[in-house]
Amino acid sequence: MDYDLLVKFLNWLWLPLSAAVGWLFKRLSAIENKADTVNNDLNNHKIHVAQVYVTRQEHLDVYTRFDGKLDRILDKLDQKQDK
């Protein structure tokens, strides 16, 4: 009789414990899937950034044009100051 009572008690104890462990594993799996998704998005972003970065030559060309325009503005200001 005591053995049957112990078995019933362990069965009642096992049910909520197994449900809690199953829920925990399911949540951990969902978190892992979300982390994989975020990691893939980050890798895609890195690839996109690497594809559209400015090369050194393009940067120097823009800097040269900007410097030339700035020199022209300063020359015009000097001409106005002389008048």
N, C-alpha and C. Protein backbone atom coordinates (compact mmCIF):
# COMPACT_ATOMS: atom_id res chain seq x y z
N MET A 1 0.81 -1.19 0.00
CA MET A 1 0.00 0.00 0.00
C MET A 1 0.86 1.26 0.00
N ASP A 2 1.92 1.24 0.80
CA ASP A 2 2.80 2.40 0.84
C ASP A 2 3.52 2.60 -0.48
N TYR A 3 3.84 1.48 -1.13
CA TYR A 3 4.51 1.56 -2.41
C TYR A 3 3.62 2.23 -3.45
N ASP A 4 2.35 1.90 -3.51
CA ASP A 4 1.42 2.52 -4.45
C ASP A 4 1.28 4.01 -4.19
N LEU A 5 1.26 4.39 -2.94
CA LEU A 5 1.16 5.80 -2.58
C LEU A 5 2.41 6.56 -3.02
N LEU A 6 3.59 5.94 -2.85
CA LEU A 6 4.84 6.56 -3.27
C LEU A 6 4.88 6.71 -4.79
N VAL A 7 4.42 5.72 -5.52
CA VAL A 7 4.40 5.79 -6.98
C VAL A 7 3.46 6.89 -7.45
N LYS A 8 2.30 7.00 -6.86
CA LYS A 8 1.36 8.07 -7.23
C LYS A 8 1.96 9.44 -6.92
N PHE A 9 2.60 9.54 -5.77
CA PHE A 9 3.23 10.82 -5.40
C PHE A 9 4.32 11.20 -6.39
N LEU A 10 5.17 10.24 -6.76
CA LEU A 10 6.23 10.52 -7.73
C LEU A 10 5.66 10.86 -9.10
N ASN A 11 4.58 10.21 -9.49
CA ASN A 11 3.93 10.56 -10.76
C ASN A 11 3.40 11.99 -10.74
N TRP A 12 2.78 12.38 -9.64
CA TRP A 12 2.28 13.75 -9.53
C TRP A 12 3.42 14.76 -9.47
N LEU A 13 4.54 14.37 -8.90
CA LEU A 13 5.70 15.25 -8.84
C LEU A 13 6.38 15.34 -10.20
N TRP A 14 6.44 14.21 -10.90
CA TRP A 14 7.11 14.16 -12.19
C TRP A 14 6.40 15.00 -13.26
N LEU A 15 5.11 15.03 -13.26
CA LEU A 15 4.34 15.74 -14.29
C LEU A 15 4.67 17.24 -14.31
N PRO A 16 4.56 17.99 -13.20
CA PRO A 16 4.89 19.42 -13.28
C PRO A 16 6.38 19.66 -13.53
N LEU A 17 7.23 18.79 -13.00
CA LEU A 17 8.66 18.95 -13.21
C LEU A 17 9.02 18.77 -14.68
N SER A 18 8.47 17.76 -15.31
CA SER A 18 8.76 17.54 -16.73
C SER A 18 8.16 18.65 -17.59
N ALA A 19 7.01 19.17 -17.22
CA ALA A 19 6.41 20.28 -17.97
C ALA A 19 7.29 21.52 -17.86
N ALA A 20 7.80 21.80 -16.67
CA ALA A 20 8.67 22.97 -16.48
C ALA A 20 9.97 22.82 -17.26
N VAL A 21 10.56 21.65 -17.24
CA VAL A 21 11.81 21.42 -17.98
C VAL A 21 11.55 21.51 -19.49
N GLY A 22 10.46 20.97 -19.95
CA GLY A 22 10.12 21.06 -21.37
C GLY A 22 9.90 22.49 -21.81
N TRP A 23 9.20 23.26 -20.99
CA TRP A 23 8.98 24.68 -21.30
C TRP A 23 10.31 25.43 -21.34
N LEU A 24 11.20 25.12 -20.39
CA LEU A 24 12.51 25.78 -20.34
C LEU A 24 13.32 25.47 -21.59
N PHE A 25 13.34 24.21 -22.01
CA PHE A 25 14.08 23.85 -23.22
C PHE A 25 13.48 24.51 -24.46
N LYS A 26 12.17 24.61 -24.50
CA LYS A 26 11.52 25.27 -25.63
C LYS A 26 11.89 26.75 -25.69
N ARG A 27 11.91 27.42 -24.54
CA ARG A 27 12.30 28.83 -24.48
C ARG A 27 13.76 29.02 -24.88
N LEU A 28 14.63 28.13 -24.40
CA LEU A 28 16.04 28.23 -24.76
C LEU A 28 16.24 28.02 -26.26
N SER A 29 15.47 27.12 -26.83
CA SER A 29 15.55 26.90 -28.27
C SER A 29 15.08 28.13 -29.04
N ALA A 30 14.03 28.77 -28.56
CA ALA A 30 13.54 29.99 -29.22
C ALA A 30 14.57 31.11 -29.10
N ILE A 31 15.21 31.22 -27.95
CA ILE A 31 16.24 32.25 -27.77
C ILE A 31 17.43 31.98 -28.69
N GLU A 32 17.80 30.71 -28.83
CA GLU A 32 18.90 30.36 -29.71
C GLU A 32 18.55 30.67 -31.16
N ASN A 33 17.32 30.38 -31.57
CA ASN A 33 16.89 30.70 -32.94
C ASN A 33 16.91 32.20 -33.18
N LYS A 34 16.47 32.97 -32.18
CA LYS A 34 16.48 34.43 -32.31
C LYS A 34 17.92 34.94 -32.41
N ALA A 35 18.83 34.36 -31.63
CA ALA A 35 20.23 34.76 -31.69
C ALA A 35 20.83 34.44 -33.05
N ASP A 36 20.45 33.31 -33.63
CA ASP A 36 20.93 32.96 -34.98
C ASP A 36 20.40 33.97 -36.01
N THR A 37 19.15 34.37 -35.86
CA THR A 37 18.57 35.35 -36.77
C THR A 37 19.30 36.69 -36.67
N VAL A 38 19.55 37.12 -35.45
CA VAL A 38 20.27 38.38 -35.25
C VAL A 38 21.68 38.28 -35.82
N ASN A 39 22.33 37.16 -35.61
CA ASN A 39 23.68 36.96 -36.13
C ASN A 39 23.69 37.01 -37.66
N ASN A 40 22.70 36.37 -38.29
CA ASN A 40 22.60 36.42 -39.75
C ASN A 40 22.36 37.83 -40.25
N ASP A 41 21.49 38.58 -39.55
CA ASP A 41 21.23 39.96 -39.93
C ASP A 41 22.50 40.80 -39.82
N LEU A 42 23.27 40.58 -38.77
CA LEU A 42 24.52 41.31 -38.58
C LEU A 42 25.51 40.98 -39.68
N ASN A 43 25.61 39.71 -40.03
CA ASN A 43 26.52 39.32 -41.12
C ASN A 43 26.08 39.93 -42.45
N ASN A 44 24.78 39.96 -42.71
CA ASN A 44 24.30 40.59 -43.94
C ASN A 44 24.60 42.08 -43.95
N HIS A 45 24.49 42.72 -42.78
CA HIS A 45 24.80 44.14 -42.69
C HIS A 45 26.29 44.38 -42.95
N LYS A 46 27.14 43.51 -42.42
CA LYS A 46 28.58 43.64 -42.65
C LYS A 46 28.89 43.51 -44.14
N ILE A 47 28.23 42.58 -44.81
CA ILE A 47 28.45 42.40 -46.25
C ILE A 47 27.98 43.64 -47.00
N HIS A 48 26.83 44.18 -46.61
CA HIS A 48 26.31 45.37 -47.28
C HIS A 48 27.26 46.55 -47.09
N VAL A 49 27.76 46.74 -45.88
CA VAL A 49 28.67 47.85 -45.62
C VAL A 49 29.95 47.68 -46.42
N ALA A 50 30.45 46.47 -46.52
CA ALA A 50 31.67 46.23 -47.28
C ALA A 50 31.47 46.47 -48.77
N GLN A 51 30.25 46.32 -49.26
CA GLN A 51 30.00 46.52 -50.68
C GLN A 51 29.86 47.99 -51.04
N VAL A 52 29.45 48.82 -50.10
CA VAL A 52 29.16 50.22 -50.45
C VAL A 52 30.11 51.21 -49.79
N TYR A 53 31.25 50.76 -49.30
CA TYR A 53 32.16 51.70 -48.66
C TYR A 53 32.86 52.54 -49.73
N VAL A 54 33.39 53.68 -49.31
CA VAL A 54 34.07 54.59 -50.22
C VAL A 54 35.52 54.17 -50.33
N THR A 55 35.98 54.04 -51.56
CA THR A 55 37.38 53.67 -51.75
C THR A 55 38.27 54.87 -51.46
N ARG A 56 39.53 54.62 -51.29
CA ARG A 56 40.49 55.68 -50.98
C ARG A 56 40.55 56.68 -52.14
N GLN A 57 40.54 56.18 -53.36
CA GLN A 57 40.63 57.07 -54.52
C GLN A 57 39.41 57.98 -54.61
N GLU A 58 38.21 57.43 -54.38
CA GLU A 58 37.00 58.26 -54.39
C GLU A 58 37.07 59.32 -53.31
N HIS A 59 37.57 58.95 -52.15
CA HIS A 59 37.69 59.89 -51.04
C HIS A 59 38.67 61.01 -51.41
N LEU A 60 39.79 60.66 -52.02
CA LEU A 60 40.76 61.68 -52.42
C LEU A 60 40.20 62.59 -53.50
N ASP A 61 39.43 62.04 -54.44
CA ASP A 61 38.81 62.87 -55.48
C ASP A 61 37.86 63.90 -54.88
N VAL A 62 37.03 63.47 -53.97
CA VAL A 62 36.09 64.38 -53.32
C VAL A 62 36.84 65.43 -52.53
N TYR A 63 37.87 65.01 -51.82
CA TYR A 63 38.65 65.95 -51.02
C TYR A 63 39.33 66.98 -51.92
N THR A 64 39.86 66.56 -53.06
CA THR A 64 40.52 67.46 -54.00
C THR A 64 39.52 68.48 -54.57
N ARG A 65 38.33 68.01 -54.95
CA ARG A 65 37.31 68.94 -55.44
C ARG A 65 36.88 69.93 -54.37
N PHE A 66 36.71 69.45 -53.16
CA PHE A 66 36.31 70.31 -52.04
C PHE A 66 37.40 71.34 -51.76
N ASP A 67 38.65 70.91 -51.79
CA ASP A 67 39.77 71.82 -51.54
C ASP A 67 39.85 72.87 -52.65
N GLY A 68 39.62 72.46 -53.89
CA GLY A 68 39.65 73.41 -55.01
C GLY A 68 38.55 74.46 -54.88
N LYS A 69 37.35 74.03 -54.51
CA LYS A 69 36.24 74.98 -54.34
C LYS A 69 36.52 75.93 -53.19
N LEU A 70 37.10 75.42 -52.13
CA LEU A 70 37.44 76.26 -50.99
C LEU A 70 38.50 77.30 -51.38
N ASP A 71 39.47 76.89 -52.18
CA ASP A 71 40.49 77.83 -52.67
C ASP A 71 39.85 78.92 -53.54
N ARG A 72 38.91 78.54 -54.41
CA ARG A 72 38.23 79.55 -55.25
C ARG A 72 37.44 80.53 -54.40
N ILE A 73 36.76 80.05 -53.38
CA ILE A 73 36.00 80.93 -52.48
C ILE A 73 36.94 81.89 -51.77
N LEU A 74 38.06 81.38 -51.29
CA LEU A 74 39.02 82.25 -50.60
C LEU A 74 39.63 83.27 -51.55
N ASP A 75 39.90 82.86 -52.80
CA ASP A 75 40.43 83.81 -53.80
C ASP A 75 39.42 84.91 -54.07
N LYS A 76 38.15 84.56 -54.21
CA LYS A 76 37.11 85.57 -54.45
C LYS A 76 36.99 86.52 -53.26
N LEU A 77 37.09 85.98 -52.06
CA LEU A 77 37.04 86.84 -50.88
C LEU A 77 38.24 87.79 -50.84
N ASP A 78 39.41 87.29 -51.22
CA ASP A 78 40.60 88.17 -51.26
C ASP A 78 40.43 89.26 -52.30
N GLN A 79 39.84 88.96 -53.47
CA GLN A 79 39.62 89.96 -54.51
C GLN A 79 38.65 91.02 -54.04
N LYS A 80 37.62 90.62 -53.31
CA LYS A 80 36.64 91.59 -52.79
C LYS A 80 37.27 92.45 -51.72
N GLN A 81 38.17 91.88 -50.93
CA GLN A 81 38.80 92.63 -49.87
C GLN A 81 39.75 93.68 -50.45
N ASP A 82 40.36 93.40 -51.61
CA ASP A 82 41.27 94.35 -52.25
C ASP A 82 40.52 95.55 -52.78
N LYS A 83 39.29 95.44 -53.15
CA LYS A 83 38.52 96.54 -53.75
C LYS A 83 38.12 97.55 -52.75
